[in-house]
Amino acid sequence: MEIFIDSADVKEIQEAWDMGVIDGVTTNPSLAAKTGRNYDETIKEIATIVDGPISAETISLDFEGMMKEATHFAKMHK
C-alpha cells in the first residue's frame, strides 16, 4: 500500500516526506489557491521534495486541454 498526502502546502509536504510517512503527493488547483501560490510553481517545488509519484489535477475540462496540461506537468518531474 502507498500513502499519498493530499496537499499543496510545501512545508506540510516536506515534513511528511522527511518523516518517511508518505510515498507521494496528490494536489490540485484548489489546494494551491488556498496557499496563495501559483499552481505550476507549487508543483515544481513539490517535485524538488518528493522522490515519488505526484498526482497533479488539471484545470481544463476538455480532452485537448487536459492532455496539454498533462504533458506540461509530466515535464516537471520524472
PDB file of N, CA and C in Angstrom:
ATOM      1  N   MET A   1       0.832  -1.168   0.000  1.00  0.00           N
ATOM      2  CA  MET A   1       0.000   0.000   0.000  1.00  0.00           C
ATOM      3  C   MET A   1       0.883   1.240   0.000  1.00  0.00           C
ATOM      4  N   GLU A   2       0.474   2.251  -0.758  1.00  0.00           N
ATOM      5  CA  GLU A   2       1.171   3.528  -0.790  1.00  0.00           C
ATOM      6  C   GLU A   2       0.315   4.593  -0.118  1.00  0.00           C
ATOM      7  N   ILE A   3       0.973   5.513   0.563  1.00  0.00           N
ATOM      8  CA  ILE A   3       0.305   6.613   1.237  1.00  0.00           C
ATOM      9  C   ILE A   3       0.659   7.912   0.514  1.00  0.00           C
ATOM     10  N   PHE A   4      -0.375   8.660   0.108  1.00  0.00           N
ATOM     11  CA  PHE A   4      -0.190   9.946  -0.555  1.00  0.00           C
ATOM     12  C   PHE A   4      -0.770  11.042   0.332  1.00  0.00           C
ATOM     13  N   ILE A   5      -0.068  12.160   0.428  1.00  0.00           N
ATOM     14  CA  ILE A   5      -0.618  13.320   1.115  1.00  0.00           C
ATOM     15  C   ILE A   5      -1.376  14.146   0.077  1.00  0.00           C
ATOM     16  N   ASP A   6      -2.544  14.625   0.433  1.00  0.00           N
ATOM     17  CA  ASP A   6      -3.385  15.444  -0.439  1.00  0.00           C
ATOM     18  C   ASP A   6      -3.217  16.890   0.004  1.00  0.00           C
ATOM     19  N   SER A   7      -2.281  17.602  -0.643  1.00  0.00           N
ATOM     20  CA  SER A   7      -1.912  18.930  -0.163  1.00  0.00           C
ATOM     21  C   SER A   7      -1.175  19.706  -1.250  1.00  0.00           C
ATOM     22  N   ALA A   8      -1.133  21.032  -1.058  1.00  0.00           N
ATOM     23  CA  ALA A   8      -0.270  21.895  -1.859  1.00  0.00           C
ATOM     24  C   ALA A   8       0.595  22.748  -0.937  1.00  0.00           C
ATOM     25  N   ASP A   9       0.551  22.445   0.339  1.00  0.00           N
ATOM     26  CA  ASP A   9       1.340  23.148   1.342  1.00  0.00           C
ATOM     27  C   ASP A   9       2.722  22.493   1.386  1.00  0.00           C
ATOM     28  N   VAL A  10       3.707  23.164   0.774  1.00  0.00           N
ATOM     29  CA  VAL A  10       5.027  22.535   0.638  1.00  0.00           C
ATOM     30  C   VAL A  10       5.704  22.291   1.982  1.00  0.00           C
ATOM     31  N   LYS A  11       5.433  23.115   2.972  1.00  0.00           N
ATOM     32  CA  LYS A  11       6.004  22.878   4.305  1.00  0.00           C
ATOM     33  C   LYS A  11       5.437  21.585   4.881  1.00  0.00           C
ATOM     34  N   GLU A  12       4.136  21.411   4.764  1.00  0.00           N
ATOM     35  CA  GLU A  12       3.478  20.190   5.240  1.00  0.00           C
ATOM     36  C   GLU A  12       3.986  18.959   4.492  1.00  0.00           C
ATOM     37  N   ILE A  13       4.155  19.101   3.186  1.00  0.00           N
ATOM     38  CA  ILE A  13       4.658  18.001   2.360  1.00  0.00           C
ATOM     39  C   ILE A  13       6.093  17.657   2.757  1.00  0.00           C
ATOM     40  N   GLN A  14       6.919  18.682   2.951  1.00  0.00           N
ATOM     41  CA  GLN A  14       8.318  18.455   3.345  1.00  0.00           C
ATOM     42  C   GLN A  14       8.387  17.716   4.669  1.00  0.00           C
ATOM     43  N   GLU A  15       7.572  18.137   5.641  1.00  0.00           N
ATOM     44  CA  GLU A  15       7.577  17.484   6.948  1.00  0.00           C
ATOM     45  C   GLU A  15       7.167  16.014   6.841  1.00  0.00           C
ATOM     46  N   ALA A  16       6.111  15.742   6.075  1.00  0.00           N
ATOM     47  CA  ALA A  16       5.649  14.356   5.908  1.00  0.00           C
ATOM     48  C   ALA A  16       6.703  13.522   5.192  1.00  0.00           C
ATOM     49  N   TRP A  17       7.333  14.094   4.183  1.00  0.00           N
ATOM     50  CA  TRP A  17       8.372  13.374   3.434  1.00  0.00           C
ATOM     51  C   TRP A  17       9.568  13.065   4.330  1.00  0.00           C
ATOM     52  N   ASP A  18       9.986  14.071   5.106  1.00  0.00           N
ATOM     53  CA  ASP A  18      11.134  13.886   5.997  1.00  0.00           C
ATOM     54  C   ASP A  18      10.868  12.817   7.055  1.00  0.00           C
ATOM     55  N   MET A  19       9.628  12.693   7.497  1.00  0.00           N
ATOM     56  CA  MET A  19       9.276  11.674   8.482  1.00  0.00           C
ATOM     57  C   MET A  19       9.198  10.280   7.850  1.00  0.00           C
ATOM     58  N   GLY A  20       9.140  10.239   6.525  1.00  0.00           N
ATOM     59  CA  GLY A  20       9.069   8.958   5.828  1.00  0.00           C
ATOM     60  C   GLY A  20       7.693   8.314   5.854  1.00  0.00           C
ATOM     61  N   VAL A  21       6.654   9.117   6.051  1.00  0.00           N
ATOM     62  CA  VAL A  21       5.309   8.559   6.171  1.00  0.00           C
ATOM     63  C   VAL A  21       4.492   8.615   4.874  1.00  0.00           C
ATOM     64  N   ILE A  22       5.050   9.243   3.826  1.00  0.00           N
ATOM     65  CA  ILE A  22       4.322   9.308   2.552  1.00  0.00           C
ATOM     66  C   ILE A  22       5.173   8.749   1.421  1.00  0.00           C
ATOM     67  N   ASP A  23       4.459   8.252   0.404  1.00  0.00           N
ATOM     68  CA  ASP A  23       5.115   7.749  -0.796  1.00  0.00           C
ATOM     69  C   ASP A  23       5.005   8.731  -1.956  1.00  0.00           C
ATOM     70  N   GLY A  24       4.025   9.643  -1.882  1.00  0.00           N
ATOM     71  CA  GLY A  24       3.789  10.577  -2.960  1.00  0.00           C
ATOM     72  C   GLY A  24       2.811  11.657  -2.547  1.00  0.00           C
ATOM     73  N   VAL A  25       2.447  12.492  -3.528  1.00  0.00           N
ATOM     74  CA  VAL A  25       1.582  13.651  -3.291  1.00  0.00           C
ATOM     75  C   VAL A  25       0.475  13.686  -4.334  1.00  0.00           C
ATOM     76  N   THR A  26      -0.703  14.043  -3.874  1.00  0.00           N
ATOM     77  CA  THR A  26      -1.817  14.371  -4.750  1.00  0.00           C
ATOM     78  C   THR A  26      -2.145  15.831  -4.491  1.00  0.00           C
ATOM     79  N   THR A  27      -2.259  16.625  -5.558  1.00  0.00           N
ATOM     80  CA  THR A  27      -2.577  18.039  -5.389  1.00  0.00           C
ATOM     81  C   THR A  27      -3.500  18.504  -6.493  1.00  0.00           C
ATOM     82  N   ASN A  28      -4.054  19.686  -6.311  1.00  0.00           N
ATOM     83  CA  ASN A  28      -4.956  20.240  -7.322  1.00  0.00           C
ATOM     84  C   ASN A  28      -4.960  21.761  -7.221  1.00  0.00           C
ATOM     85  N   PRO A  29      -5.533  22.426  -8.221  1.00  0.00           N
ATOM     86  CA  PRO A  29      -5.530  23.891  -8.235  1.00  0.00           C
ATOM     87  C   PRO A  29      -6.222  24.519  -7.021  1.00  0.00           C
ATOM     88  N   SER A  30      -7.269  23.894  -6.496  1.00  0.00           N
ATOM     89  CA  SER A  30      -7.971  24.440  -5.332  1.00  0.00           C
ATOM     90  C   SER A  30      -7.066  24.442  -4.103  1.00  0.00           C
ATOM     91  N   LEU A  31      -6.318  23.364  -3.918  1.00  0.00           N
ATOM     92  CA  LEU A  31      -5.388  23.297  -2.789  1.00  0.00           C
ATOM     93  C   LEU A  31      -4.285  24.343  -2.933  1.00  0.00           C
ATOM     94  N   ALA A  32      -3.789  24.535  -4.141  1.00  0.00           N
ATOM     95  CA  ALA A  32      -2.751  25.541  -4.376  1.00  0.00           C
ATOM     96  C   ALA A  32      -3.298  26.946  -4.128  1.00  0.00           C
ATOM     97  N   ALA A  33      -4.534  27.196  -4.540  1.00  0.00           N
ATOM     98  CA  ALA A  33      -5.151  28.510  -4.325  1.00  0.00           C
ATOM     99  C   ALA A  33      -5.253  28.833  -2.839  1.00  0.00           C
ATOM    100  N   LYS A  34      -5.509  27.830  -2.031  1.00  0.00           N
ATOM    101  CA  LYS A  34      -5.608  28.045  -0.576  1.00  0.00           C
ATOM    102  C   LYS A  34      -4.281  28.491   0.024  1.00  0.00           C
ATOM    103  N   THR A  35      -3.176  28.147  -0.629  1.00  0.00           N
ATOM    104  CA  THR A  35      -1.863  28.563  -0.139  1.00  0.00           C
ATOM    105  C   THR A  35      -1.474  29.936  -0.669  1.00  0.00           C
ATOM    106  N   GLY A  36      -2.214  30.427  -1.673  1.00  0.00           N
ATOM    107  CA  GLY A  36      -1.910  31.719  -2.268  1.00  0.00           C
ATOM    108  C   GLY A  36      -0.765  31.677  -3.255  1.00  0.00           C
ATOM    109  N   ARG A  37      -0.383  30.471  -3.661  1.00  0.00           N
ATOM    110  CA  ARG A  37       0.755  30.317  -4.573  1.00  0.00           C
ATOM    111  C   ARG A  37       0.310  29.912  -5.964  1.00  0.00           C
ATOM    112  N   ASN A  38       1.167  30.161  -6.936  1.00  0.00           N
ATOM    113  CA  ASN A  38       0.952  29.739  -8.310  1.00  0.00           C
ATOM    114  C   ASN A  38       1.006  28.218  -8.389  1.00  0.00           C
ATOM    115  N   TYR A  39       0.063  27.629  -9.101  1.00  0.00           N
ATOM    116  CA  TYR A  39      -0.042  26.169  -9.186  1.00  0.00           C
ATOM    117  C   TYR A  39       1.214  25.539  -9.787  1.00  0.00           C
ATOM    118  N   ASP A  40       1.676  26.058 -10.914  1.00  0.00           N
ATOM    119  CA  ASP A  40       2.884  25.499 -11.553  1.00  0.00           C
ATOM    120  C   ASP A  40       4.092  25.566 -10.617  1.00  0.00           C
ATOM    121  N   GLU A  41       4.286  26.720  -9.990  1.00  0.00           N
ATOM    122  CA  GLU A  41       5.428  26.874  -9.085  1.00  0.00           C
ATOM    123  C   GLU A  41       5.324  25.913  -7.903  1.00  0.00           C
ATOM    124  N   THR A  42       4.110  25.703  -7.431  1.00  0.00           N
ATOM    125  CA  THR A  42       3.904  24.771  -6.325  1.00  0.00           C
ATOM    126  C   THR A  42       4.272  23.358  -6.744  1.00  0.00           C
ATOM    127  N   ILE A  43       3.826  22.941  -7.909  1.00  0.00           N
ATOM    128  CA  ILE A  43       4.151  21.595  -8.401  1.00  0.00           C
ATOM    129  C   ILE A  43       5.660  21.440  -8.579  1.00  0.00           C
ATOM    130  N   LYS A  44       6.303  22.456  -9.129  1.00  0.00           N
ATOM    131  CA  LYS A  44       7.756  22.399  -9.308  1.00  0.00           C
ATOM    132  C   LYS A  44       8.479  22.252  -7.974  1.00  0.00           C
ATOM    133  N   GLU A  45       8.003  22.965  -6.958  1.00  0.00           N
ATOM    134  CA  GLU A  45       8.642  22.852  -5.648  1.00  0.00           C
ATOM    135  C   GLU A  45       8.384  21.490  -5.016  1.00  0.00           C
ATOM    136  N   ILE A  46       7.165  20.987  -5.163  1.00  0.00           N
ATOM    137  CA  ILE A  46       6.856  19.646  -4.656  1.00  0.00           C
ATOM    138  C   ILE A  46       7.790  18.623  -5.301  1.00  0.00           C
ATOM    139  N   ALA A  47       8.055  18.798  -6.589  1.00  0.00           N
ATOM    140  CA  ALA A  47       8.928  17.871  -7.314  1.00  0.00           C
ATOM    141  C   ALA A  47      10.359  17.896  -6.793  1.00  0.00           C
ATOM    142  N   THR A  48      10.775  18.985  -6.165  1.00  0.00           N
ATOM    143  CA  THR A  48      12.117  19.029  -5.587  1.00  0.00           C
ATOM    144  C   THR A  48      12.169  18.327  -4.234  1.00  0.00           C
ATOM    145  N   ILE A  49      11.011  18.124  -3.639  1.00  0.00           N
ATOM    146  CA  ILE A  49      10.925  17.493  -2.316  1.00  0.00           C
ATOM    147  C   ILE A  49      10.712  15.991  -2.429  1.00  0.00           C
ATOM    148  N   VAL A  50       9.775  15.608  -3.263  1.00  0.00           N
ATOM    149  CA  VAL A  50       9.286  14.227  -3.314  1.00  0.00           C
ATOM    150  C   VAL A  50       9.985  13.435  -4.404  1.00  0.00           C
ATOM    151  N   ASP A  51      10.576  12.323  -4.022  1.00  0.00           N
ATOM    152  CA  ASP A  51      11.155  11.397  -4.988  1.00  0.00           C
ATOM    153  C   ASP A  51      10.192  10.217  -5.109  1.00  0.00           C
ATOM    154  N   GLY A  52       9.029  10.525  -5.623  1.00  0.00           N
ATOM    155  CA  GLY A  52       7.965   9.541  -5.766  1.00  0.00           C
ATOM    156  C   GLY A  52       6.867  10.119  -6.626  1.00  0.00           C
ATOM    157  N   PRO A  53       5.753   9.433  -6.731  1.00  0.00           N
ATOM    158  CA  PRO A  53       4.667   9.888  -7.595  1.00  0.00           C
ATOM    159  C   PRO A  53       4.039  11.200  -7.121  1.00  0.00           C
ATOM    160  N   ILE A  54       3.728  12.054  -8.090  1.00  0.00           N
ATOM    161  CA  ILE A  54       2.989  13.284  -7.827  1.00  0.00           C
ATOM    162  C   ILE A  54       1.799  13.293  -8.778  1.00  0.00           C
ATOM    163  N   SER A  55       0.624  13.382  -8.208  1.00  0.00           N
ATOM    164  CA  SER A  55      -0.597  13.447  -9.000  1.00  0.00           C
ATOM    165  C   SER A  55      -1.084  14.887  -8.987  1.00  0.00           C
ATOM    166  N   ALA A  56      -1.076  15.528 -10.153  1.00  0.00           N
ATOM    167  CA  ALA A  56      -1.496  16.926 -10.273  1.00  0.00           C
ATOM    168  C   ALA A  56      -2.744  17.003 -11.140  1.00  0.00           C
ATOM    169  N   GLU A  57      -3.817  17.493 -10.566  1.00  0.00           N
ATOM    170  CA  GLU A  57      -5.086  17.604 -11.285  1.00  0.00           C
ATOM    171  C   GLU A  57      -5.021  18.748 -12.292  1.00  0.00           C
ATOM    172  N   THR A  58      -5.636  18.545 -13.432  1.00  0.00           N
ATOM    173  CA  THR A  58      -5.679  19.588 -14.456  1.00  0.00           C
ATOM    174  C   THR A  58      -6.789  20.593 -14.145  1.00  0.00           C
ATOM    175  N   ILE A  59      -6.696  21.745 -14.782  1.00  0.00           N
ATOM    176  CA  ILE A  59      -7.725  22.772 -14.680  1.00  0.00           C
ATOM    177  C   ILE A  59      -8.726  22.607 -15.821  1.00  0.00           C
ATOM    178  N   SER A  60      -8.223  22.222 -16.984  1.00  0.00           N
ATOM    179  CA  SER A  60      -9.067  22.060 -18.172  1.00  0.00           C
ATOM    180  C   SER A  60     -10.110  20.967 -17.976  1.00  0.00           C
ATOM    181  N   LEU A  61     -11.217  21.137 -18.649  1.00  0.00           N
ATOM    182  CA  LEU A  61     -12.293  20.151 -18.589  1.00  0.00           C
ATOM    183  C   LEU A  61     -12.442  19.360 -19.888  1.00  0.00           C
ATOM    184  N   ASP A  62     -11.790  19.841 -20.954  1.00  0.00           N
ATOM    185  CA  ASP A  62     -11.873  19.135 -22.234  1.00  0.00           C
ATOM    186  C   ASP A  62     -10.610  18.298 -22.456  1.00  0.00           C
ATOM    187  N   PHE A  63     -10.737  17.263 -23.281  1.00  0.00           N
ATOM    188  CA  PHE A  63      -9.652  16.313 -23.510  1.00  0.00           C
ATOM    189  C   PHE A  63      -8.374  16.998 -23.983  1.00  0.00           C
ATOM    190  N   GLU A  64      -8.483  17.871 -24.980  1.00  0.00           N
ATOM    191  CA  GLU A  64      -7.296  18.515 -25.535  1.00  0.00           C
ATOM    192  C   GLU A  64      -6.573  19.345 -24.484  1.00  0.00           C
ATOM    193  N   GLY A  65      -7.343  20.098 -23.703  1.00  0.00           N
ATOM    194  CA  GLY A  65      -6.743  20.912 -22.659  1.00  0.00           C
ATOM    195  C   GLY A  65      -6.085  20.067 -21.583  1.00  0.00           C
ATOM    196  N   MET A  66      -6.769  18.987 -21.198  1.00  0.00           N
ATOM    197  CA  MET A  66      -6.203  18.085 -20.185  1.00  0.00           C
ATOM    198  C   MET A  66      -4.895  17.472 -20.662  1.00  0.00           C
ATOM    199  N   MET A  67      -4.847  17.058 -21.902  1.00  0.00           N
ATOM    200  CA  MET A  67      -3.633  16.448 -22.442  1.00  0.00           C
ATOM    201  C   MET A  67      -2.494  17.455 -22.513  1.00  0.00           C
ATOM    202  N   LYS A  68      -2.814  18.695 -22.886  1.00  0.00           N
ATOM    203  CA  LYS A  68      -1.784  19.741 -22.938  1.00  0.00           C
ATOM    204  C   LYS A  68      -1.208  19.981 -21.541  1.00  0.00           C
ATOM    205  N   GLU A  69      -2.095  20.089 -20.544  1.00  0.00           N
ATOM    206  CA  GLU A  69      -1.626  20.285 -19.169  1.00  0.00           C
ATOM    207  C   GLU A  69      -0.855  19.072 -18.658  1.00  0.00           C
ATOM    208  N   ALA A  70      -1.340  17.889 -18.965  1.00  0.00           N
ATOM    209  CA  ALA A  70      -0.676  16.664 -18.512  1.00  0.00           C
ATOM    210  C   ALA A  70       0.747  16.589 -19.064  1.00  0.00           C
ATOM    211  N   THR A  71       0.911  16.937 -20.319  1.00  0.00           N
ATOM    212  CA  THR A  71       2.242  16.940 -20.939  1.00  0.00           C
ATOM    213  C   THR A  71       3.143  17.963 -20.245  1.00  0.00           C
ATOM    214  N   HIS A  72       2.579  19.118 -19.957  1.00  0.00           N
ATOM    215  CA  HIS A  72       3.325  20.174 -19.254  1.00  0.00           C
ATOM    216  C   HIS A  72       3.747  19.700 -17.865  1.00  0.00           C
ATOM    217  N   PHE A  73       2.817  19.125 -17.107  1.00  0.00           N
ATOM    218  CA  PHE A  73       3.120  18.633 -15.760  1.00  0.00           C
ATOM    219  C   PHE A  73       4.147  17.495 -15.792  1.00  0.00           C
ATOM    220  N   ALA A  74       4.033  16.628 -16.774  1.00  0.00           N
ATOM    221  CA  ALA A  74       4.932  15.466 -16.860  1.00  0.00           C
ATOM    222  C   ALA A  74       6.391  15.894 -17.035  1.00  0.00           C
ATOM    223  N   LYS A  75       6.620  17.076 -17.584  1.00  0.00           N
ATOM    224  CA  LYS A  75       7.976  17.569 -17.781  1.00  0.00           C
ATOM    225  C   LYS A  75       8.600  18.103 -16.488  1.00  0.00           C
ATOM    226  N   MET A  76       7.777  18.254 -15.441  1.00  0.00           N
ATOM    227  CA  MET A  76       8.258  18.839 -14.187  1.00  0.00           C
ATOM    228  C   MET A  76       8.915  17.835 -13.258  1.00  0.00           C
ATOM    229  N   HIS A  77       8.600  16.554 -13.456  1.00  0.00           N
ATOM    230  CA  HIS A  77       9.081  15.538 -12.517  1.00  0.00           C
ATOM    231  C   HIS A  77       9.132  14.191 -13.214  1.00  0.00           C
ATOM    232  N   LYS A  78      10.156  13.416 -12.926  1.00  0.00           N
ATOM    233  CA  LYS A  78      10.286  12.118 -13.584  1.00  0.00           C
ATOM    234  C   LYS A  78       9.148  11.203 -13.223  1.00  0.00           C
TER     235      LYS A  78
END
